[in-house]
Amino acid sequence: MTDPISNLGRSAAQPNLANEKVKHSKTDAIPTQADKVVPPKNDEVVLSGASESALANAEFNAEKVAKIKAAIEQGNYPIDARKVAESFASLERMIGGE
């Protein structure tokens, strides 16, 4: 008898067919509607319907964005170097950079 999770009891000669199917099903090609495999031409990001909807309906203060853009272009946008450094440090901690 073989334990279905750990595969204890399985002889070394028995292949794990589930793993073999997964290995063979992974490709870098993109299937088309005609079930033909076509290699990707470029890197591409495809957003889900929910993401597209959220981006289409995103609300922001256009006036505030325009003022910030103008200040940056004129060199008048204040930057707090300490705050920027602290933000980078916290990001590094989140991704395990320390």
PDB file of N, CA and C in Angstrom:
ATOM      1  N   MET A   1       0.842  -1.170   0.000  1.00  0.00           N
ATOM      2  CA  MET A   1       0.000   0.000   0.000  1.00  0.00           C
ATOM      3  C   MET A   1       0.891   1.238   0.000  1.00  0.00           C
ATOM      4  N   THR A   2       0.527   2.244  -0.793  1.00  0.00           N
ATOM      5  CA  THR A   2       1.302   3.469  -0.915  1.00  0.00           C
ATOM      6  C   THR A   2       0.544   4.622  -0.288  1.00  0.00           C
ATOM      7  N   ASP A   3       1.260   5.388   0.537  1.00  0.00           N
ATOM      8  CA  ASP A   3       0.662   6.590   1.110  1.00  0.00           C
ATOM      9  C   ASP A   3       0.564   7.630  -0.004  1.00  0.00           C
ATOM     10  N   PRO A   4      -0.648   8.173  -0.294  1.00  0.00           N
ATOM     11  CA  PRO A   4      -0.802   9.070  -1.438  1.00  0.00           C
ATOM     12  C   PRO A   4      -0.082  10.411  -1.286  1.00  0.00           C
ATOM     13  N   ILE A   5       0.256  10.818  -0.077  1.00  0.00           N
ATOM     14  CA  ILE A   5       0.911  12.106   0.103  1.00  0.00           C
ATOM     15  C   ILE A   5       2.429  11.970   0.040  1.00  0.00           C
ATOM     16  N   SER A   6       2.984  11.068   0.818  1.00  0.00           N
ATOM     17  CA  SER A   6       4.436  10.943   0.876  1.00  0.00           C
ATOM     18  C   SER A   6       4.984   9.896  -0.075  1.00  0.00           C
ATOM     19  N   ASN A   7       4.113   9.101  -0.681  1.00  0.00           N
ATOM     20  CA  ASN A   7       4.496   8.017  -1.586  1.00  0.00           C
ATOM     21  C   ASN A   7       5.304   6.943  -0.875  1.00  0.00           C
ATOM     22  N   LEU A   8       5.169   6.850   0.453  1.00  0.00           N
ATOM     23  CA  LEU A   8       5.840   5.791   1.186  1.00  0.00           C
ATOM     24  C   LEU A   8       5.252   4.456   0.751  1.00  0.00           C
ATOM     25  N   GLY A   9       6.108   3.511   0.546  1.00  0.00           N
ATOM     26  CA  GLY A   9       5.660   2.207   0.121  1.00  0.00           C
ATOM     27  C   GLY A   9       5.778   2.018  -1.384  1.00  0.00           C
ATOM     28  N   ARG A  10       6.044   3.080  -2.108  1.00  0.00           N
ATOM     29  CA  ARG A  10       6.198   2.994  -3.554  1.00  0.00           C
ATOM     30  C   ARG A  10       7.613   2.511  -3.850  1.00  0.00           C
ATOM     31  N   SER A  11       7.738   1.587  -4.753  1.00  0.00           N
ATOM     32  CA  SER A  11       9.077   1.104  -5.083  1.00  0.00           C
ATOM     33  C   SER A  11       9.783   2.125  -5.958  1.00  0.00           C
ATOM     34  N   ALA A  12      11.083   2.094  -5.935  1.00  0.00           N
ATOM     35  CA  ALA A  12      11.876   3.054  -6.704  1.00  0.00           C
ATOM     36  C   ALA A  12      11.648   2.895  -8.198  1.00  0.00           C
ATOM     37  N   ALA A  13      11.221   1.704  -8.632  1.00  0.00           N
ATOM     38  CA  ALA A  13      11.025   1.465 -10.056  1.00  0.00           C
ATOM     39  C   ALA A  13       9.713   2.047 -10.565  1.00  0.00           C
ATOM     40  N   GLN A  14       8.771   2.349  -9.675  1.00  0.00           N
ATOM     41  CA  GLN A  14       7.498   2.886 -10.119  1.00  0.00           C
ATOM     42  C   GLN A  14       7.620   4.383 -10.373  1.00  0.00           C
ATOM     43  N   PRO A  15       7.351   4.811 -11.598  1.00  0.00           N
ATOM     44  CA  PRO A  15       7.426   6.248 -11.872  1.00  0.00           C
ATOM     45  C   PRO A  15       6.218   6.966 -11.287  1.00  0.00           C
ATOM     46  N   ASN A  16       6.416   8.201 -10.941  1.00  0.00           N
ATOM     47  CA  ASN A  16       5.314   9.023 -10.456  1.00  0.00           C
ATOM     48  C   ASN A  16       4.678   9.658 -11.687  1.00  0.00           C
ATOM     49  N   LEU A  17       3.619   9.080 -12.167  1.00  0.00           N
ATOM     50  CA  LEU A  17       2.990   9.514 -13.405  1.00  0.00           C
ATOM     51  C   LEU A  17       2.419  10.914 -13.293  1.00  0.00           C
ATOM     52  N   ALA A  18       1.925  11.299 -12.136  1.00  0.00           N
ATOM     53  CA  ALA A  18       1.376  12.647 -11.970  1.00  0.00           C
ATOM     54  C   ALA A  18       2.464  13.691 -12.194  1.00  0.00           C
ATOM     55  N   ASN A  19       3.649  13.454 -11.646  1.00  0.00           N
ATOM     56  CA  ASN A  19       4.753  14.399 -11.833  1.00  0.00           C
ATOM     57  C   ASN A  19       5.219  14.424 -13.275  1.00  0.00           C
ATOM     58  N   GLU A  20       5.236  13.263 -13.929  1.00  0.00           N
ATOM     59  CA  GLU A  20       5.654  13.199 -15.324  1.00  0.00           C
ATOM     60  C   GLU A  20       4.716  14.006 -16.205  1.00  0.00           C
ATOM     61  N   LYS A  21       3.400  13.932 -15.939  1.00  0.00           N
ATOM     62  CA  LYS A  21       2.435  14.700 -16.726  1.00  0.00           C
ATOM     63  C   LYS A  21       2.678  16.190 -16.555  1.00  0.00           C
ATOM     64  N   VAL A  22       2.962  16.622 -15.341  1.00  0.00           N
ATOM     65  CA  VAL A  22       3.210  18.039 -15.077  1.00  0.00           C
ATOM     66  C   VAL A  22       4.471  18.488 -15.788  1.00  0.00           C
ATOM     67  N   LYS A  23       5.529  17.678 -15.738  1.00  0.00           N
ATOM     68  CA  LYS A  23       6.782  18.039 -16.381  1.00  0.00           C
ATOM     69  C   LYS A  23       6.593  18.214 -17.881  1.00  0.00           C
ATOM     70  N   HIS A  24       5.842  17.318 -18.499  1.00  0.00           N
ATOM     71  CA  HIS A  24       5.670  17.362 -19.938  1.00  0.00           C
ATOM     72  C   HIS A  24       4.659  18.410 -20.371  1.00  0.00           C
ATOM     73  N   SER A  25       3.777  18.837 -19.477  1.00  0.00           N
ATOM     74  CA  SER A  25       2.759  19.797 -19.877  1.00  0.00           C
ATOM     75  C   SER A  25       3.259  21.226 -19.805  1.00  0.00           C
ATOM     76  N   LYS A  26       4.386  21.467 -19.121  1.00  0.00           N
ATOM     77  CA  LYS A  26       4.914  22.820 -19.011  1.00  0.00           C
ATOM     78  C   LYS A  26       5.735  23.141 -20.257  1.00  0.00           C
ATOM     79  N   THR A  27       5.367  24.227 -20.936  1.00  0.00           N
ATOM     80  CA  THR A  27       6.138  24.693 -22.079  1.00  0.00           C
ATOM     81  C   THR A  27       6.201  26.202 -22.032  1.00  0.00           C
ATOM     82  N   ASP A  28       7.083  26.758 -22.824  1.00  0.00           N
ATOM     83  CA  ASP A  28       7.167  28.205 -22.922  1.00  0.00           C
ATOM     84  C   ASP A  28       6.285  28.720 -24.048  1.00  0.00           C
ATOM     85  N   ALA A  29       5.550  27.847 -24.677  1.00  0.00           N
ATOM     86  CA  ALA A  29       4.713  28.254 -25.792  1.00  0.00           C
ATOM     87  C   ALA A  29       3.306  28.578 -25.306  1.00  0.00           C
ATOM     88  N   ILE A  30       2.602  29.342 -26.120  1.00  0.00           N
ATOM     89  CA  ILE A  30       1.244  29.749 -25.781  1.00  0.00           C
ATOM     90  C   ILE A  30       0.273  28.981 -26.670  1.00  0.00           C
ATOM     91  N   PRO A  31      -0.677  28.235 -26.078  1.00  0.00           N
ATOM     92  CA  PRO A  31      -1.640  27.519 -26.919  1.00  0.00           C
ATOM     93  C   PRO A  31      -2.618  28.495 -27.557  1.00  0.00           C
ATOM     94  N   THR A  32      -3.027  28.179 -28.776  1.00  0.00           N
ATOM     95  CA  THR A  32      -4.005  29.011 -29.462  1.00  0.00           C
ATOM     96  C   THR A  32      -5.351  28.323 -29.424  1.00  0.00           C
ATOM     97  N   GLN A  33      -6.376  28.980 -29.975  1.00  0.00           N
ATOM     98  CA  GLN A  33      -7.711  28.407 -29.972  1.00  0.00           C
ATOM     99  C   GLN A  33      -7.773  27.127 -30.782  1.00  0.00           C
ATOM    100  N   ALA A  34      -6.932  26.998 -31.764  1.00  0.00           N
ATOM    101  CA  ALA A  34      -6.933  25.811 -32.612  1.00  0.00           C
ATOM    102  C   ALA A  34      -6.101  24.689 -32.009  1.00  0.00           C
ATOM    103  N   ASP A  35      -5.752  24.819 -30.721  1.00  0.00           N
ATOM    104  CA  ASP A  35      -4.947  23.831 -30.003  1.00  0.00           C
ATOM    105  C   ASP A  35      -3.574  23.630 -30.630  1.00  0.00           C
ATOM    106  N   LYS A  36      -3.101  24.620 -31.352  1.00  0.00           N
ATOM    107  CA  LYS A  36      -1.750  24.573 -31.881  1.00  0.00           C
ATOM    108  C   LYS A  36      -0.858  25.320 -30.913  1.00  0.00           C
ATOM    109  N   VAL A  37       0.390  24.934 -30.862  1.00  0.00           N
ATOM    110  CA  VAL A  37       1.326  25.588 -29.962  1.00  0.00           C
ATOM    111  C   VAL A  37       2.139  26.587 -30.765  1.00  0.00           C
ATOM    112  N   VAL A  38       2.095  27.848 -30.320  1.00  0.00           N
ATOM    113  CA  VAL A  38       2.812  28.915 -31.003  1.00  0.00           C
ATOM    114  C   VAL A  38       3.783  29.535 -29.998  1.00  0.00           C
ATOM    115  N   PRO A  39       5.057  29.618 -30.338  1.00  0.00           N
ATOM    116  CA  PRO A  39       6.000  30.219 -29.392  1.00  0.00           C
ATOM    117  C   PRO A  39       5.698  31.703 -29.208  1.00  0.00           C
ATOM    118  N   PRO A  40       5.903  32.222 -28.001  1.00  0.00           N
ATOM    119  CA  PRO A  40       5.633  33.639 -27.771  1.00  0.00           C
ATOM    120  C   PRO A  40       6.616  34.503 -28.550  1.00  0.00           C
ATOM    121  N   LYS A  41       6.124  35.631 -29.073  1.00  0.00           N
ATOM    122  CA  LYS A  41       6.982  36.528 -29.837  1.00  0.00           C
ATOM    123  C   LYS A  41       7.652  37.552 -28.931  1.00  0.00           C
ATOM    124  N   ASN A  42       6.931  38.036 -27.938  1.00  0.00           N
ATOM    125  CA  ASN A  42       7.456  39.043 -27.014  1.00  0.00           C
ATOM    126  C   ASN A  42       6.951  38.735 -25.622  1.00  0.00           C
ATOM    127  N   ASP A  43       7.601  39.346 -24.630  1.00  0.00           N
ATOM    128  CA  ASP A  43       7.079  39.242 -23.277  1.00  0.00           C
ATOM    129  C   ASP A  43       5.769  40.008 -23.234  1.00  0.00           C
ATOM    130  N   GLU A  44       4.818  39.470 -22.502  1.00  0.00           N
ATOM    131  CA  GLU A  44       3.501  40.083 -22.483  1.00  0.00           C
ATOM    132  C   GLU A  44       2.857  39.866 -21.127  1.00  0.00           C
ATOM    133  N   VAL A  45       2.162  40.876 -20.641  1.00  0.00           N
ATOM    134  CA  VAL A  45       1.416  40.773 -19.401  1.00  0.00           C
ATOM    135  C   VAL A  45      -0.055  40.866 -19.756  1.00  0.00           C
ATOM    136  N   VAL A  46      -0.829  39.904 -19.284  1.00  0.00           N
ATOM    137  CA  VAL A  46      -2.260  39.896 -19.542  1.00  0.00           C
ATOM    138  C   VAL A  46      -2.969  40.089 -18.212  1.00  0.00           C
ATOM    139  N   LEU A  47      -3.737  41.160 -18.107  1.00  0.00           N
ATOM    140  CA  LEU A  47      -4.450  41.455 -16.876  1.00  0.00           C
ATOM    141  C   LEU A  47      -5.782  40.733 -16.846  1.00  0.00           C
ATOM    142  N   SER A  48      -6.229  40.406 -15.655  1.00  0.00           N
ATOM    143  CA  SER A  48      -7.534  39.781 -15.510  1.00  0.00           C
ATOM    144  C   SER A  48      -8.606  40.828 -15.758  1.00  0.00           C
ATOM    145  N   GLY A  49      -9.821  40.389 -15.945  1.00  0.00           N
ATOM    146  CA  GLY A  49     -10.942  41.299 -16.155  1.00  0.00           C
ATOM    147  C   GLY A  49     -11.127  42.233 -14.981  1.00  0.00           C
ATOM    148  N   ALA A  50     -10.935  41.723 -13.772  1.00  0.00           N
ATOM    149  CA  ALA A  50     -11.084  42.546 -12.566  1.00  0.00           C
ATOM    150  C   ALA A  50     -10.020  43.636 -12.541  1.00  0.00           C
ATOM    151  N   SER A  51      -8.795  43.305 -12.923  1.00  0.00           N
ATOM    152  CA  SER A  51      -7.714  44.301 -12.942  1.00  0.00           C
ATOM    153  C   SER A  51      -7.991  45.376 -13.981  1.00  0.00           C
ATOM    154  N   GLU A  52      -8.411  44.961 -15.160  1.00  0.00           N
ATOM    155  CA  GLU A  52      -8.718  45.922 -16.214  1.00  0.00           C
ATOM    156  C   GLU A  52      -9.849  46.849 -15.789  1.00  0.00           C
ATOM    157  N   SER A  53     -10.867  46.286 -15.153  1.00  0.00           N
ATOM    158  CA  SER A  53     -12.000  47.084 -14.686  1.00  0.00           C
ATOM    159  C   SER A  53     -11.552  48.087 -13.624  1.00  0.00           C
ATOM    160  N   ALA A  54     -10.719  47.631 -12.687  1.00  0.00           N
ATOM    161  CA  ALA A  54     -10.242  48.516 -11.619  1.00  0.00           C
ATOM    162  C   ALA A  54      -9.409  49.657 -12.202  1.00  0.00           C
ATOM    163  N   LEU A  55      -8.574  49.361 -13.182  1.00  0.00           N
ATOM    164  CA  LEU A  55      -7.759  50.405 -13.794  1.00  0.00           C
ATOM    165  C   LEU A  55      -8.620  51.383 -14.594  1.00  0.00           C
ATOM    166  N   ALA A  56      -9.637  50.862 -15.278  1.00  0.00           N
ATOM    167  CA  ALA A  56     -10.511  51.720 -16.079  1.00  0.00           C
ATOM    168  C   ALA A  56     -11.339  52.646 -15.197  1.00  0.00           C
ATOM    169  N   ASN A  57     -11.681  52.184 -14.013  1.00  0.00           N
ATOM    170  CA  ASN A  57     -12.537  52.968 -13.119  1.00  0.00           C
ATOM    171  C   ASN A  57     -11.767  53.616 -11.978  1.00  0.00           C
ATOM    172  N   ALA A  58     -10.441  53.668 -12.104  1.00  0.00           N
ATOM    173  CA  ALA A  58      -9.622  54.239 -11.036  1.00  0.00           C
ATOM    174  C   ALA A  58      -9.921  55.727 -10.881  1.00  0.00           C
ATOM    175  N   GLU A  59     -10.045  56.139  -9.636  1.00  0.00           N
ATOM    176  CA  GLU A  59     -10.302  57.544  -9.358  1.00  0.00           C
ATOM    177  C   GLU A  59      -9.057  58.154  -8.730  1.00  0.00           C
ATOM    178  N   PHE A  60      -8.695  59.352  -9.192  1.00  0.00           N
ATOM    179  CA  PHE A  60      -7.581  60.072  -8.609  1.00  0.00           C
ATOM    180  C   PHE A  60      -7.825  61.558  -8.816  1.00  0.00           C
ATOM    181  N   ASN A  61      -7.089  62.338  -8.081  1.00  0.00           N
ATOM    182  CA  ASN A  61      -7.228  63.778  -8.143  1.00  0.00           C
ATOM    183  C   ASN A  61      -6.317  64.294  -9.254  1.00  0.00           C
ATOM    184  N   ALA A  62      -6.875  64.498 -10.441  1.00  0.00           N
ATOM    185  CA  ALA A  62      -6.095  64.911 -11.605  1.00  0.00           C
ATOM    186  C   ALA A  62      -5.430  66.263 -11.375  1.00  0.00           C
ATOM    187  N   GLU A  63      -6.097  67.148 -10.657  1.00  0.00           N
ATOM    188  CA  GLU A  63      -5.530  68.472 -10.393  1.00  0.00           C
ATOM    189  C   GLU A  63      -4.265  68.356  -9.537  1.00  0.00           C
ATOM    190  N   LYS A  64      -4.343  67.505  -8.504  1.00  0.00           N
ATOM    191  CA  LYS A  64      -3.188  67.308  -7.622  1.00  0.00           C
ATOM    192  C   LYS A  64      -2.027  66.679  -8.385  1.00  0.00           C
ATOM    193  N   VAL A  65      -2.325  65.716  -9.250  1.00  0.00           N
ATOM    194  CA  VAL A  65      -1.287  65.068 -10.048  1.00  0.00           C
ATOM    195  C   VAL A  65      -0.630  66.085 -10.971  1.00  0.00           C
ATOM    196  N   ALA A  66      -1.426  66.950 -11.580  1.00  0.00           N
ATOM    197  CA  ALA A  66      -0.886  67.973 -12.481  1.00  0.00           C
ATOM    198  C   ALA A  66       0.026  68.937 -11.723  1.00  0.00           C
ATOM    199  N   LYS A  67      -0.361  69.322 -10.511  1.00  0.00           N
ATOM    200  CA  LYS A  67       0.460  70.226  -9.708  1.00  0.00           C
ATOM    201  C   LYS A  67       1.791  69.566  -9.334  1.00  0.00           C
ATOM    202  N   ILE A  68       1.740  68.298  -8.959  1.00  0.00           N
ATOM    203  CA  ILE A  68       2.971  67.584  -8.601  1.00  0.00           C
ATOM    204  C   ILE A  68       3.880  67.453  -9.820  1.00  0.00           C
ATOM    205  N   LYS A  69       3.311  67.123 -10.982  1.00  0.00           N
ATOM    206  CA  LYS A  69       4.103  67.017 -12.212  1.00  0.00           C
ATOM    207  C   LYS A  69       4.793  68.336 -12.519  1.00  0.00           C
ATOM    208  N   ALA A  70       4.045  69.420 -12.413  1.00  0.00           N
ATOM    209  CA  ALA A  70       4.606  70.740 -12.704  1.00  0.00           C
ATOM    210  C   ALA A  70       5.725  71.065 -11.726  1.00  0.00           C
ATOM    211  N   ALA A  71       5.531  70.772 -10.448  1.00  0.00           N
ATOM    212  CA  ALA A  71       6.563  71.049  -9.443  1.00  0.00           C
ATOM    213  C   ALA A  71       7.822  70.237  -9.715  1.00  0.00           C
ATOM    214  N   ILE A  72       7.660  68.985 -10.119  1.00  0.00           N
ATOM    215  CA  ILE A  72       8.818  68.133 -10.434  1.00  0.00           C
ATOM    216  C   ILE A  72       9.563  68.700 -11.635  1.00  0.00           C
ATOM    217  N   GLU A  73       8.823  69.065 -12.683  1.00  0.00           N
ATOM    218  CA  GLU A  73       9.443  69.608 -13.892  1.00  0.00           C
ATOM    219  C   GLU A  73      10.202  70.905 -13.604  1.00  0.00           C
ATOM    220  N   GLN A  74       9.684  71.722 -12.679  1.00  0.00           N
ATOM    221  CA  GLN A  74      10.311  72.999 -12.343  1.00  0.00           C
ATOM    222  C   GLN A  74      11.403  72.842 -11.289  1.00  0.00           C
ATOM    223  N   GLY A  75      11.534  71.649 -10.738  1.00  0.00           N
ATOM    224  CA  GLY A  75      12.544  71.412  -9.719  1.00  0.00           C
ATOM    225  C   GLY A  75      12.131  71.933  -8.346  1.00  0.00           C
ATOM    226  N   ASN A  76      10.834  72.147  -8.131  1.00  0.00           N
ATOM    227  CA  ASN A  76      10.327  72.692  -6.875  1.00  0.00           C
ATOM    228  C   ASN A  76       9.645  71.658  -5.986  1.00  0.00           C
ATOM    229  N   TYR A  77       9.739  70.385  -6.337  1.00  0.00           N
ATOM    230  CA  TYR A  77       9.041  69.375  -5.538  1.00  0.00           C
ATOM    231  C   TYR A  77       9.943  68.973  -4.374  1.00  0.00           C
ATOM    232  N   PRO A  78       9.458  69.166  -3.152  1.00  0.00           N
ATOM    233  CA  PRO A  78      10.313  68.848  -1.994  1.00  0.00           C
ATOM    234  C   PRO A  78      10.465  67.337  -1.801  1.00  0.00           C
ATOM    235  N   ILE A  79      11.698  66.922  -1.599  1.00  0.00           N
ATOM    236  CA  ILE A  79      11.973  65.508  -1.364  1.00  0.00           C
ATOM    237  C   ILE A  79      12.652  65.370  -0.014  1.00  0.00           C
ATOM    238  N   ASP A  80      12.072  64.547   0.836  1.00  0.00           N
ATOM    239  CA  ASP A  80      12.646  64.277   2.154  1.00  0.00           C
ATOM    240  C   ASP A  80      13.498  63.016   2.026  1.00  0.00           C
ATOM    241  N   ALA A  81      14.801  63.202   1.940  1.00  0.00           N
ATOM    242  CA  ALA A  81      15.715  62.077   1.717  1.00  0.00           C
ATOM    243  C   ALA A  81      15.609  61.032   2.812  1.00  0.00           C
ATOM    244  N   ARG A  82      15.406  61.461   4.046  1.00  0.00           N
ATOM    245  CA  ARG A  82      15.280  60.510   5.158  1.00  0.00           C
ATOM    246  C   ARG A  82      14.048  59.625   4.962  1.00  0.00           C
ATOM    247  N   LYS A  83      12.933  60.247   4.571  1.00  0.00           N
ATOM    248  CA  LYS A  83      11.696  59.488   4.373  1.00  0.00           C
ATOM    249  C   LYS A  83      11.849  58.473   3.226  1.00  0.00           C
ATOM    250  N   VAL A  84      12.513  58.891   2.161  1.00  0.00           N
ATOM    251  CA  VAL A  84      12.758  57.992   1.026  1.00  0.00           C
ATOM    252  C   VAL A  84      13.624  56.818   1.467  1.00  0.00           C
ATOM    253  N   ALA A  85      14.691  57.111   2.214  1.00  0.00           N
ATOM    254  CA  ALA A  85      15.595  56.052   2.684  1.00  0.00           C
ATOM    255  C   ALA A  85      14.863  55.082   3.607  1.00  0.00           C
ATOM    256  N   GLU A  86      14.022  55.619   4.501  1.00  0.00           N
ATOM    257  CA  GLU A  86      13.259  54.746   5.399  1.00  0.00           C
ATOM    258  C   GLU A  86      12.301  53.854   4.616  1.00  0.00           C
ATOM    259  N   SER A  87      11.696  54.392   3.572  1.00  0.00           N
ATOM    260  CA  SER A  87      10.790  53.592   2.741  1.00  0.00           C
ATOM    261  C   SER A  87      11.544  52.461   2.055  1.00  0.00           C
ATOM    262  N   PHE A  88      12.728  52.779   1.521  1.00  0.00           N
ATOM    263  CA  PHE A  88      13.528  51.736   0.881  1.00  0.00           C
ATOM    264  C   PHE A  88      13.953  50.679   1.886  1.00  0.00           C
ATOM    265  N   ALA A  89      14.314  51.106   3.081  1.00  0.00           N
ATOM    266  CA  ALA A  89      14.738  50.159   4.109  1.00  0.00           C
ATOM    267  C   ALA A  89      13.596  49.227   4.490  1.00  0.00           C
ATOM    268  N   SER A  90      12.382  49.776   4.617  1.00  0.00           N
ATOM    269  CA  SER A  90      11.251  48.916   4.975  1.00  0.00           C
ATOM    270  C   SER A  90      10.915  47.952   3.841  1.00  0.00           C
ATOM    271  N   LEU A  91      11.072  48.398   2.592  1.00  0.00           N
ATOM    272  CA  LEU A  91      10.853  47.494   1.456  1.00  0.00           C
ATOM    273  C   LEU A  91      11.880  46.367   1.461  1.00  0.00           C
ATOM    274  N   GLU A  92      13.118  46.705   1.747  1.00  0.00           N
ATOM    275  CA  GLU A  92      14.168  45.687   1.818  1.00  0.00           C
ATOM    276  C   GLU A  92      13.865  44.655   2.891  1.00  0.00           C
ATOM    277  N   ARG A  93      13.368  45.111   4.050  1.00  0.00           N
ATOM    278  CA  ARG A  93      13.015  44.178   5.114  1.00  0.00           C
ATOM    279  C   ARG A  93      11.870  43.268   4.679  1.00  0.00           C
ATOM    280  N   MET A  94      10.895  43.838   3.947  1.00  0.00           N
ATOM    281  CA  MET A  94       9.745  43.030   3.504  1.00  0.00           C
ATOM    282  C   MET A  94      10.176  41.925   2.552  1.00  0.00           C
ATOM    283  N   ILE A  95      11.111  42.230   1.672  1.00  0.00           N
ATOM    284  CA  ILE A  95      11.509  41.217   0.688  1.00  0.00           C
ATOM    285  C   ILE A  95      12.696  40.390   1.159  1.00  0.00           C
ATOM    286  N   GLY A  96      13.118  40.616   2.402  1.00  0.00           N
ATOM    287  CA  GLY A  96      14.175  39.788   2.975  1.00  0.00           C
ATOM    288  C   GLY A  96      15.562  40.224   2.606  1.00  0.00           C
ATOM    289  N   GLY A  97      15.749  41.497   2.341  1.00  0.00           N
ATOM    290  CA  GLY A  97      17.055  42.003   1.958  1.00  0.00           C
ATOM    291  C   GLY A  97      18.019  42.134   3.114  1.00  0.00           C
ATOM    292  N   GLU A  98      17.550  42.052   4.348  1.00  0.00           N
ATOM    293  CA  GLU A  98      18.454  42.192   5.498  1.00  0.00           C
ATOM    294  C   GLU A  98      18.992  40.871   5.922  1.00  0.00           C
TER     295      GLU A  98
END
